[in-house]
Structure formats: structure tokens, C-alpha cells
Amino acid sequence: MRIRFEFSKGDAARFLSQLDMVRLFERAARRAGLPIAYTQGFNPHPKISFGPALAVGIIGEREYADLEFESPVDVEKTILDLGAQMPSGIRIRSGKEVPKGSPSINAVVDRGEYVIFCVLGTSFSKEEINNAILKILSQKEIHVEKKTKKGMEIKNIRPGIYALEGEIKSGNLLTVKTLLKLSSSGSVSPFSVFEVFLKELNVSLEQGSLKIVRKGIFAYQGGRLLTPLEILH
């Protein structure tokens, strides 16, 4: 039996890596007395799989993980039992049984929605922010350096920027909302998009003011953005 959990990764947990999260979920499941399944062999691993990894330091409002169990469990009770063992910063929001044969989270997700908050070193008007966004979106190609297994490579990220909005308050309190490509075939980093935005404005940040939140991950199907829970039948 496999259950897909929706959870949040808050400020207190934003520096946990993906490997840390696997260990955390395994430990919580054991403490809750849940019959979590393990792989076979000399070095068994818990059958836990997450959606696309969050970069360390990013908050996740709606993240997802699949846990496989050796025997049937009650979904609602398991949500409560697992949630009770989670540390500060991790909250189990909901869950749903995954039908047999369903693809993994990473196999279906192709978009991520982000909100970026920061304090700019210079004041800007709403018109200046809007003009910067229009200029970015009007470009057919936006090249950035990206670290790969082969080393640093130049990538065109423009095709993976599906939406970009900005709002300025008090002259220098900037909020950027963006929908980006997020898939196993390649993703666009919110850090890269924000660097492009800052370069267009020709401005720096106040130190320590940057905060990035991933609002959710989605599969784009039939003209709609569906969460990994919504795509389960």
C-alpha cells in the first residue's frame, strides 16, 4: 500500500536537505509504529520518494512524498500518527492512497510556483518593476550559467519561465511571483530568474533580506495545473 502525503516545510526546516527529509520521515514512521516497507538486500532503504527537491533554504508550502507500507493502514489515522512525530517546521497537511500502477510524483510534475520576497537597495516605482518584467518576458532567449554533472554550462531558461509578476511596496519591498519548469528533464531555478530580474533592474539586495517560498508543484494537464494529489484517481 502506498500513500501520498502533502506536507509543508516551514522556516524552521528550510535548511534540511532531501536526504535529511528521507531520514526524518523514516524516523517519524518508525516512532509512530507504522509498517513502512523497505527494499531488499544487504543495505535496505525505506520505500520513500519525494517530489522535486527543494533547494536548501527554500520554504515549501505544499510538498509531497510517497510512502509505501508492508500492510494496509488507515489513511486518516496514518496522517495523524505520522504528523504527531514530525519536528517543528514540518506539518503533514493531508494524504491519499495511491492506486496501483500510478506513476511517481517526479514522473508527472512539470511546474513549480514560487514567491520571492526581498528588500532592494534602491527604491523603484511600480512602472519600473512592470517594465522590467515585460522586457524579460519579451526576450526569446535568456542565458544563464548552470552547474551540471559535466561542469558549468550555459542554458537558455526562457522557455521554462511560464509566468512572471512583480509588486513593489514602500519603494523597495519587492515581491516576485513566478511559475517555472520543474521536471526530471530539466528545471529552471528561482534563483536564476531572480538574478535575471536584479540584473534588469541593475540593483542589489539588502543583505539577508531574500526569502523564497515554493507555493506548490503541479502537473499541467488539460490546460489546468493539478497537484500530485489531484491527479490521483
Foldseek 3Di string as FASTA:
>chain_A
DKKKWKKWQAPVRLQQWPVSVQVQLVVLCVVLVFQFDWDDDDDIGTPKDWEFIDDRQATEGTTMMMTDGPDDDDQVVSQVSSQVSHDPRMGTDGMDDFDPPDDDNQVFWWKWKKKKKFFWPFFDDQVLLVVLVVVLLVDPFDWDWDQDPVGIDIDTQNVFWPDWDWDDDPRTTIMIITMGTDHPVDTDDPVVVVVSSCVSVVTDTDPPGIHMYTHAIFGCDPNDTHHPVRVGD
